[in-house]
Amino acid sequence: MLKGKTILLGVTGGIAAYKAAALVSALVKQHANVEVVMTAHATQFIAPLTFEQLTGNRCMVDTFDRNFSHQVEHIALADRTDLVMIAPATANVCAKLAHGLADDMLTTTVLACTCPKLIAPAMNTKMFENPVTQDNLDILRRYGWEVISPVSGRLACGAVGAGKLPEPELLLQHILRQIALPHDLAGKRVLVTAGPTQESLDPVRCLTNHSTGKMGYAIARLAMLRGAEVVLISGPTSIAPPPFVEVANIVSAQDMFEVVAARQDWADFIFKAAAVADYTPVQYADDKLKKKDADLSISLKRTQDILKYLGERRRAGQVLCGFSMETQNMVENSRAKLEKKNLDMICANNLKVAGAGFGTDTNVITVITRAGMEELPLMSKEQAAGRIIDIAAGLMVK
């Protein structure tokens, strides 16, 4: 997702510098061009050669290195940088950057950068909590820096508390959120439902379905990467929620109805990707139902039709998208559902089509709107999510 982007990674003199190598590797896997600038103290913890091997670029330390080109190197690097990340950032470098001090290759380069800037402080807990350090971080925030909070744990000095550098995967997610995609949904609020519901029969058993939540989670993640504020209402799944997304975990169809109804007016876009149970047991047994020799019949009653409820009470300007899993007459059934439930669009797929079923990483979707339909080819669920959001955003513009 970072192809064509240049990331400037500043590495300063802390024990957490070793994590920067893993972050560089992750960035390269995203096809980013990574330029590493180290402070002299950082080279005592990890060798510049490590970063040169990972990036294929010369690692810069000395402002006056004669091996640079005839250009003013720190200015040329600043001009071609799309994002700056300082990780780990010592208290010393935080103070320098907050006050515009530029006495080495890293600080002079960063001072010339006009792109988004992120900083990940990593230090002893008392140093981090010192009011001077906190003031410096507030100054950086005021100047537009995103300060990534350190995590708590056992530090290299033996103390336990805040000050650990977050894991490289989380640092990568911060970078992706900043520049992976255009922020065309900035200022918009997106509500997504995902996963199955579970309707309990007794303390042991429930009625559910095969939904994994992957499609809804992909929509939530892509909307977040495009700058939206996202709330994900999720049934029980085994996948990790996307970062920077508010998650409301529910179990039953009634749970989902209550949370969705409370959030409806808040949302500009609603994507109802969850596979919600249509029926729930009439009675719940407080004790486990014991097996008997005879057959067992279970009385069921209808659950609240959440999508119909939303369609009847939608506010002006809101885009409402439903999902339809069919095994026959997919287009006809889905178009009827769109009309009956007052939707703007519906994403239909056929369970019997290869690559379109539950639990896969791909999907084959037909997006139906009131103006027509678009048949998407077999693609990853993230790719499909991107196109679904494109279509929804187009409807809001109109």
Protein backbone atom coordinates (compact mmCIF):
# COMPACT_ATOMS: atom_id res chain seq x y z
CA MET A 1 0.00 0.00 0.00
CA LEU A 2 3.04 2.29 0.12
CA LYS A 3 4.31 1.83 -3.41
CA GLY A 4 5.81 5.07 -4.69
CA LYS A 5 6.05 6.57 -1.18
CA THR A 6 9.31 7.62 0.47
CA ILE A 7 9.46 7.15 4.23
CA LEU A 8 12.17 8.88 6.25
CA LEU A 9 12.87 6.84 9.38
CA GLY A 10 14.86 8.59 12.06
CA VAL A 11 16.58 6.25 14.52
CA THR A 12 17.94 7.72 17.75
CA GLY A 13 20.14 6.39 20.53
CA GLY A 14 18.00 4.06 22.62
CA ILE A 15 17.99 0.31 23.22
CA ALA A 16 14.72 0.10 21.25
CA ALA A 17 16.67 0.97 18.09
CA TYR A 18 16.76 -2.74 17.28
CA LYS A 19 13.00 -2.63 16.61
CA ALA A 20 13.59 -0.11 13.84
CA ALA A 21 15.08 -2.87 11.69
CA ALA A 22 11.83 -4.84 11.84
CA LEU A 23 9.86 -1.70 10.98
CA VAL A 24 12.09 -1.06 7.97
CA SER A 25 11.56 -4.64 6.79
CA ALA A 26 7.78 -4.23 7.11
CA LEU A 27 7.86 -0.96 5.15
CA VAL A 28 9.91 -2.51 2.37
CA LYS A 29 7.36 -5.34 2.14
CA GLN A 30 4.74 -2.63 1.55
CA HIS A 31 6.92 -1.45 -1.38
CA ALA A 32 7.93 1.81 0.30
CA ASN A 33 11.24 3.50 -0.44
CA VAL A 34 12.83 3.82 3.01
CA GLU A 35 15.56 6.31 3.84
CA VAL A 36 17.12 5.85 7.28
CA VAL A 37 18.85 8.68 9.12
CA MET A 38 20.58 7.81 12.40
CA THR A 39 22.01 9.89 15.18
CA ALA A 40 25.61 9.14 16.12
CA HIS A 41 24.44 7.62 19.41
CA ALA A 42 22.05 5.28 17.56
CA THR A 43 25.00 3.67 15.75
CA GLN A 44 26.18 2.39 19.15
CA PHE A 45 23.04 0.23 19.36
CA ILE A 46 22.63 -0.96 15.75
CA ALA A 47 24.95 -0.70 12.75
CA PRO A 48 24.04 1.47 9.74
CA LEU A 49 24.91 -1.48 7.52
CA THR A 50 21.81 -3.29 8.82
CA PHE A 51 19.54 -0.62 7.40
CA GLU A 52 21.51 -0.36 4.17
CA GLN A 53 21.04 -4.07 3.55
CA LEU A 54 17.31 -3.86 4.28
CA THR A 55 16.58 -0.73 2.24
CA GLY A 56 19.14 -0.76 -0.54
CA ASN A 57 19.80 2.90 0.32
CA ARG A 58 22.75 4.52 2.01
CA CYS A 59 22.12 5.07 5.73
CA MET A 60 22.86 8.68 6.66
CA VAL A 61 24.52 9.79 9.89
CA ASP A 62 27.00 12.58 9.17
CA THR A 63 25.78 15.87 7.70
CA PHE A 64 29.23 16.46 6.18
CA ASP A 65 29.75 13.00 4.65
CA ARG A 66 31.66 13.61 1.39
CA ASN A 67 30.12 10.52 -0.20
CA PHE A 68 26.82 12.38 -0.66
CA SER A 69 25.99 13.87 -4.04
CA HIS A 70 26.65 17.49 -4.96
CA GLN A 71 23.15 18.37 -3.72
CA VAL A 72 22.50 19.76 -0.26
CA GLU A 73 21.60 16.27 0.88
CA HIS A 74 19.35 16.98 3.84
CA ILE A 75 17.26 19.41 1.76
CA ALA A 76 17.03 17.02 -1.19
CA LEU A 77 15.96 14.21 1.15
CA ALA A 78 13.35 16.42 2.83
CA ASP A 79 11.91 17.37 -0.57
CA ARG A 80 11.35 13.76 -1.64
CA THR A 81 9.99 12.49 1.68
CA ASP A 82 6.28 11.67 2.00
CA LEU A 83 6.32 10.93 5.73
CA VAL A 84 8.74 11.19 8.66
CA MET A 85 8.77 8.65 11.48
CA ILE A 86 11.17 9.00 14.43
CA ALA A 87 11.33 5.63 16.20
CA PRO A 88 12.66 5.31 18.76
CA ALA A 89 12.80 8.94 19.84
CA THR A 90 14.91 9.78 22.88
CA ALA A 91 14.03 12.59 25.29
CA ASN A 92 16.96 14.54 23.86
CA VAL A 93 15.72 14.37 20.26
CA CYS A 94 12.14 15.15 21.33
CA ALA A 95 13.46 18.31 22.99
CA LYS A 96 15.54 19.31 19.94
CA LEU A 97 12.67 18.84 17.50
CA ALA A 98 10.22 20.69 19.75
CA HIS A 99 12.48 23.75 19.82
CA GLY A 100 13.82 23.72 16.27
CA LEU A 101 17.39 22.77 17.18
CA ALA A 102 19.23 21.33 14.18
CA ASP A 103 22.76 20.14 14.92
CA ASP A 104 23.00 16.82 13.07
CA MET A 105 21.81 15.10 9.90
CA LEU A 106 18.53 13.92 11.42
CA THR A 107 17.37 17.18 13.00
CA THR A 108 18.41 19.36 10.05
CA THR A 109 16.59 17.07 7.61
CA VAL A 110 13.41 16.88 9.69
CA LEU A 111 13.37 20.65 10.18
CA ALA A 112 13.19 20.99 6.38
CA CYS A 113 10.35 18.46 5.98
CA THR A 114 6.82 19.72 5.32
CA CYS A 115 5.20 16.26 5.11
CA PRO A 116 3.28 14.43 7.89
CA LYS A 117 5.51 13.68 10.88
CA LEU A 118 5.17 10.97 13.53
CA ILE A 119 7.29 10.46 16.63
CA ALA A 120 7.43 7.45 18.96
CA PRO A 121 9.08 8.34 22.29
CA ALA A 122 10.92 5.50 24.05
CA MET A 123 12.77 6.05 27.33
CA ASN A 124 12.79 5.43 31.06
CA THR A 125 9.39 5.97 32.70
CA LYS A 126 10.57 8.84 34.89
CA MET A 127 12.14 10.56 31.90
CA PHE A 128 8.93 10.14 29.89
CA GLU A 129 6.70 11.38 32.69
CA ASN A 130 8.94 14.34 33.49
CA PRO A 131 6.93 17.55 32.93
CA VAL A 132 9.66 18.90 30.67
CA THR A 133 9.35 15.90 28.34
CA GLN A 134 5.55 16.12 28.39
CA ASP A 135 5.73 19.83 27.57
CA ASN A 136 8.04 19.09 24.64
CA LEU A 137 5.62 16.45 23.32
CA ASP A 138 2.74 18.92 23.63
CA ILE A 139 4.76 21.44 21.62
CA LEU A 140 5.32 18.85 18.92
CA ARG A 141 1.59 18.13 18.81
CA ARG A 142 0.91 21.84 18.49
CA TYR A 143 3.22 21.94 15.48
CA GLY A 144 1.32 19.10 13.82
CA TRP A 145 3.31 16.06 14.92
CA GLU A 146 1.47 12.85 15.75
CA VAL A 147 2.92 11.55 19.03
CA ILE A 148 2.60 7.77 19.35
CA SER A 149 2.25 6.89 23.01
CA PRO A 150 4.75 4.39 24.41
CA VAL A 151 3.45 1.16 25.93
CA SER A 152 3.95 -0.05 29.48
CA GLY A 153 6.12 -2.98 30.47
CA ARG A 154 9.55 -3.93 31.74
CA LEU A 155 12.17 -1.50 30.43
CA ALA A 156 15.84 -2.16 29.68
CA CYS A 157 16.81 -0.34 32.89
CA GLY A 158 14.77 -2.86 34.90
CA ALA A 159 11.95 -0.45 35.77
CA VAL A 160 8.34 -1.29 34.95
CA GLY A 161 6.11 1.41 33.46
CA ALA A 162 5.38 3.51 30.39
CA GLY A 163 8.27 4.04 28.00
CA LYS A 164 8.50 0.99 25.73
CA LEU A 165 8.50 1.51 21.97
CA PRO A 166 5.35 -0.03 20.43
CA GLU A 167 5.84 -3.10 18.28
CA PRO A 168 6.84 -2.49 14.64
CA GLU A 169 3.46 -3.71 13.34
CA LEU A 170 1.63 -0.98 15.24
CA LEU A 171 4.11 1.65 14.05
CA LEU A 172 3.47 0.45 10.50
CA GLN A 173 -0.28 0.86 11.00
CA HIS A 174 0.24 4.46 12.09
CA ILE A 175 2.15 5.11 8.87
CA LEU A 176 -0.48 3.40 6.73
CA ARG A 177 -3.23 5.46 8.33
CA GLN A 178 -1.38 8.64 7.42
CA ILE A 179 -0.46 8.08 3.78
CA ALA A 180 -1.57 4.70 2.38
CA LEU A 181 -4.72 6.14 0.79
CA PRO A 182 -6.16 9.59 0.02
CA HIS A 183 -8.27 10.87 2.92
CA ASP A 184 -11.38 11.46 0.85
CA LEU A 185 -13.59 10.41 3.78
CA ALA A 186 -12.03 12.80 6.29
CA GLY A 187 -14.74 14.25 8.50
CA LYS A 188 -17.18 11.43 7.64
CA ARG A 189 -18.55 8.90 10.13
CA VAL A 190 -18.89 5.28 9.10
CA LEU A 191 -20.84 2.54 10.89
CA VAL A 192 -20.07 -1.06 9.89
CA THR A 193 -21.61 -4.29 11.16
CA ALA A 194 -19.74 -7.56 10.73
CA GLY A 195 -19.64 -11.21 11.67
CA PRO A 196 -22.34 -13.61 12.84
CA THR A 197 -24.78 -13.39 15.71
CA GLN A 198 -25.38 -16.19 18.22
CA GLU A 199 -28.87 -17.03 19.50
CA SER A 200 -28.59 -19.05 22.70
CA LEU A 201 -30.68 -22.17 23.28
CA ASP A 202 -29.18 -22.95 26.68
CA PRO A 203 -25.89 -22.22 28.48
CA VAL A 204 -24.09 -24.59 26.09
CA ARG A 205 -25.67 -24.33 22.64
CA CYS A 206 -26.57 -21.58 20.22
CA LEU A 207 -27.87 -21.01 16.68
CA THR A 208 -25.39 -19.20 14.47
CA ASN A 209 -23.97 -19.12 10.92
CA HIS A 210 -20.68 -19.44 9.07
CA SER A 211 -19.83 -15.74 8.76
CA THR A 212 -16.24 -14.88 9.74
CA GLY A 213 -16.61 -11.09 9.62
CA LYS A 214 -13.81 -10.63 7.07
CA MET A 215 -15.86 -8.54 4.63
CA GLY A 216 -17.12 -6.12 7.26
CA TYR A 217 -13.72 -5.83 8.89
CA ALA A 218 -12.17 -5.02 5.51
CA ILE A 219 -14.71 -2.22 4.95
CA ALA A 220 -14.00 -0.82 8.42
CA ARG A 221 -10.24 -0.84 7.82
CA LEU A 222 -10.43 0.75 4.38
CA ALA A 223 -12.78 3.46 5.61
CA MET A 224 -10.35 4.22 8.44
CA LEU A 225 -7.42 4.40 6.01
CA ARG A 226 -9.43 6.87 3.92
CA GLY A 227 -9.76 9.20 6.89
CA ALA A 228 -13.21 8.35 8.27
CA GLU A 229 -14.15 7.97 11.91
CA VAL A 230 -15.28 4.36 12.09
CA VAL A 231 -17.39 2.33 14.49
CA LEU A 232 -17.39 -1.45 13.94
CA ILE A 233 -20.21 -3.45 15.54
CA SER A 234 -19.03 -7.04 15.53
CA GLY A 235 -20.48 -10.40 16.35
CA PRO A 236 -18.18 -13.15 17.70
CA THR A 237 -15.19 -13.59 15.35
CA SER A 238 -11.64 -14.93 15.57
CA ILE A 239 -9.96 -12.09 13.66
CA ALA A 240 -8.25 -9.07 15.17
CA PRO A 241 -10.14 -5.80 14.76
CA PRO A 242 -8.57 -3.12 12.56
CA PRO A 243 -6.55 -0.48 14.42
CA PHE A 244 -7.87 3.05 15.06
CA VAL A 245 -11.46 1.80 14.88
CA GLU A 246 -13.96 1.84 17.74
CA VAL A 247 -15.28 -1.69 18.21
CA ALA A 248 -18.56 -2.63 19.90
CA ASN A 249 -18.74 -6.39 20.51
CA ILE A 250 -22.18 -7.98 20.53
CA VAL A 251 -23.52 -11.54 20.65
CA SER A 252 -27.19 -11.76 19.70
CA ALA A 253 -29.34 -10.14 17.02
CA GLN A 254 -31.09 -8.13 19.74
CA ASP A 255 -27.71 -6.91 21.00
CA MET A 256 -26.83 -5.76 17.51
CA PHE A 257 -30.16 -4.05 16.99
CA GLU A 258 -29.80 -2.03 20.18
CA VAL A 259 -26.26 -0.85 19.42
CA VAL A 260 -27.00 -0.06 15.76
CA ALA A 261 -30.18 1.82 16.59
CA ALA A 262 -28.33 3.94 19.14
CA ARG A 263 -25.68 4.86 16.55
CA GLN A 264 -27.86 5.33 13.47
CA ASP A 265 -28.21 9.11 13.53
CA TRP A 266 -24.46 9.51 14.15
CA ALA A 267 -23.41 7.81 10.90
CA ASP A 268 -23.00 9.30 7.43
CA PHE A 269 -22.51 5.82 5.94
CA ILE A 270 -23.90 2.52 7.24
CA PHE A 271 -22.58 -0.76 5.84
CA LYS A 272 -24.65 -3.70 7.17
CA ALA A 273 -22.26 -6.55 6.37
CA ALA A 274 -23.13 -8.71 9.40
CA ALA A 275 -24.94 -12.02 8.98
CA VAL A 276 -27.71 -11.44 11.52
CA ALA A 277 -29.93 -14.31 12.61
CA ASP A 278 -33.47 -14.10 11.21
CA TYR A 279 -34.84 -16.26 14.03
CA THR A 280 -34.15 -16.77 17.72
CA PRO A 281 -35.47 -19.40 20.17
CA VAL A 282 -38.80 -18.57 21.80
CA GLN A 283 -37.51 -19.87 25.11
CA TYR A 284 -34.04 -19.97 26.67
CA ALA A 285 -33.29 -22.93 28.95
CA ASP A 286 -31.42 -21.95 32.10
CA ASP A 287 -29.93 -25.44 32.30
CA LYS A 288 -28.41 -27.57 29.57
CA LEU A 289 -31.01 -29.35 27.46
CA LYS A 290 -30.45 -33.06 28.01
CA LYS A 291 -30.35 -35.48 25.11
CA LYS A 292 -33.41 -37.71 24.77
CA ASP A 293 -34.28 -40.68 22.59
CA ALA A 294 -37.03 -38.75 20.82
CA ASP A 295 -36.55 -36.01 18.25
CA LEU A 296 -36.39 -32.42 19.44
CA SER A 297 -38.34 -29.46 18.06
CA ILE A 298 -37.29 -25.89 18.81
CA SER A 299 -39.79 -23.05 18.53
CA LEU A 300 -38.34 -19.95 16.89
CA LYS A 301 -39.53 -16.37 16.57
CA ARG A 302 -38.47 -13.58 14.21
CA THR A 303 -35.73 -11.23 15.24
CA GLN A 304 -35.90 -7.49 14.68
CA ASP A 305 -35.21 -6.66 11.01
CA ILE A 306 -32.36 -4.19 11.57
CA LEU A 307 -31.91 -3.17 7.95
CA LYS A 308 -35.63 -2.46 7.50
CA TYR A 309 -35.61 -0.45 10.73
CA LEU A 310 -32.70 1.65 9.46
CA GLY A 311 -34.35 2.22 6.10
CA GLU A 312 -37.58 3.42 7.70
CA ARG A 313 -35.80 5.87 10.01
CA ARG A 314 -32.85 7.06 7.95
CA ARG A 315 -31.88 10.71 8.15
CA ALA A 316 -31.39 12.95 5.14
CA GLY A 317 -28.04 12.57 3.41
CA GLN A 318 -27.24 9.20 4.97
CA VAL A 319 -26.01 6.40 2.66
CA LEU A 320 -27.36 2.98 3.62
CA CYS A 321 -25.75 -0.18 2.20
CA GLY A 322 -27.06 -3.70 2.75
CA PHE A 323 -25.61 -7.10 1.93
CA SER A 324 -27.35 -10.08 0.40
CA MET A 325 -26.07 -13.65 0.42
CA GLU A 326 -28.11 -15.75 -2.02
CA THR A 327 -28.01 -19.23 -3.56
CA GLN A 328 -30.44 -18.54 -6.41
CA ASN A 329 -32.02 -15.59 -8.24
CA MET A 330 -29.35 -13.38 -6.69
CA VAL A 331 -29.98 -10.16 -8.64
CA GLU A 332 -33.77 -10.35 -8.50
CA ASN A 333 -33.88 -11.15 -4.78
CA SER A 334 -31.32 -8.50 -3.94
CA ARG A 335 -32.99 -5.79 -5.98
CA ALA A 336 -36.30 -6.56 -4.25
CA LYS A 337 -34.54 -6.29 -0.87
CA LEU A 338 -33.09 -2.91 -1.84
CA GLU A 339 -36.56 -1.56 -2.66
CA LYS A 340 -38.37 -3.15 0.28
CA LYS A 341 -35.89 -1.89 2.86
CA ASN A 342 -35.30 1.56 1.36
CA LEU A 343 -31.57 1.13 0.73
CA ASP A 344 -29.22 3.14 -1.47
CA MET A 345 -27.19 0.11 -2.48
CA ILE A 346 -26.88 -3.58 -1.81
CA CYS A 347 -23.88 -5.88 -2.22
CA ALA A 348 -24.98 -9.28 -3.45
CA ASN A 349 -23.08 -12.51 -3.79
CA ASN A 350 -23.91 -16.13 -4.50
CA LEU A 351 -22.72 -18.67 -1.95
CA LYS A 352 -22.35 -21.25 -4.72
CA VAL A 353 -19.85 -19.19 -6.74
CA ALA A 354 -16.22 -20.19 -6.15
CA GLY A 355 -14.38 -17.61 -4.07
CA ALA A 356 -17.55 -15.89 -2.82
CA GLY A 357 -18.50 -17.95 0.21
CA PHE A 358 -18.01 -17.57 3.93
CA GLY A 359 -14.51 -17.76 5.38
CA THR A 360 -12.58 -16.95 2.20
CA ASP A 361 -10.18 -14.05 1.66
CA THR A 362 -11.85 -13.28 -1.69
CA ASN A 363 -15.31 -12.30 -2.84
CA VAL A 364 -17.37 -12.00 -6.03
CA ILE A 365 -19.83 -9.16 -5.51
CA THR A 366 -22.51 -7.49 -7.59
CA VAL A 367 -23.22 -3.98 -6.31
CA ILE A 368 -26.79 -2.92 -7.03
CA THR A 369 -27.97 0.69 -6.74
CA ARG A 370 -31.17 2.38 -7.81
CA ALA A 371 -29.38 3.57 -10.95
CA GLY A 372 -28.01 0.19 -12.03
CA MET A 373 -25.48 -2.43 -11.02
CA GLU A 374 -21.78 -3.19 -11.23
CA GLU A 375 -20.43 -6.75 -11.31
CA LEU A 376 -17.08 -6.96 -9.54
CA PRO A 377 -14.70 -9.76 -10.58
CA LEU A 378 -13.10 -12.17 -8.15
CA MET A 379 -10.92 -10.02 -5.89
CA SER A 380 -9.65 -9.85 -2.34
CA LYS A 381 -12.12 -8.65 0.25
CA GLU A 382 -9.98 -5.55 0.83
CA GLN A 383 -10.11 -4.74 -2.89
CA ALA A 384 -13.86 -5.32 -2.89
CA ALA A 385 -14.22 -3.13 0.20
CA GLY A 386 -12.42 -0.30 -1.58
CA ARG A 387 -14.78 -0.46 -4.56
CA ILE A 388 -17.86 -0.68 -2.32
CA ILE A 389 -16.75 2.45 -0.48
CA ASP A 390 -16.08 4.20 -3.82
CA ILE A 391 -19.65 3.54 -4.94
CA ALA A 392 -21.11 4.61 -1.59
CA ALA A 393 -19.08 7.82 -1.61
CA GLY A 394 -20.34 8.57 -5.11
CA LEU A 395 -23.90 8.26 -3.92
CA MET A 396 -23.32 10.80 -1.17
CA VAL A 397 -21.86 13.27 -3.67
CA LYS A 398 -25.00 13.00 -5.75
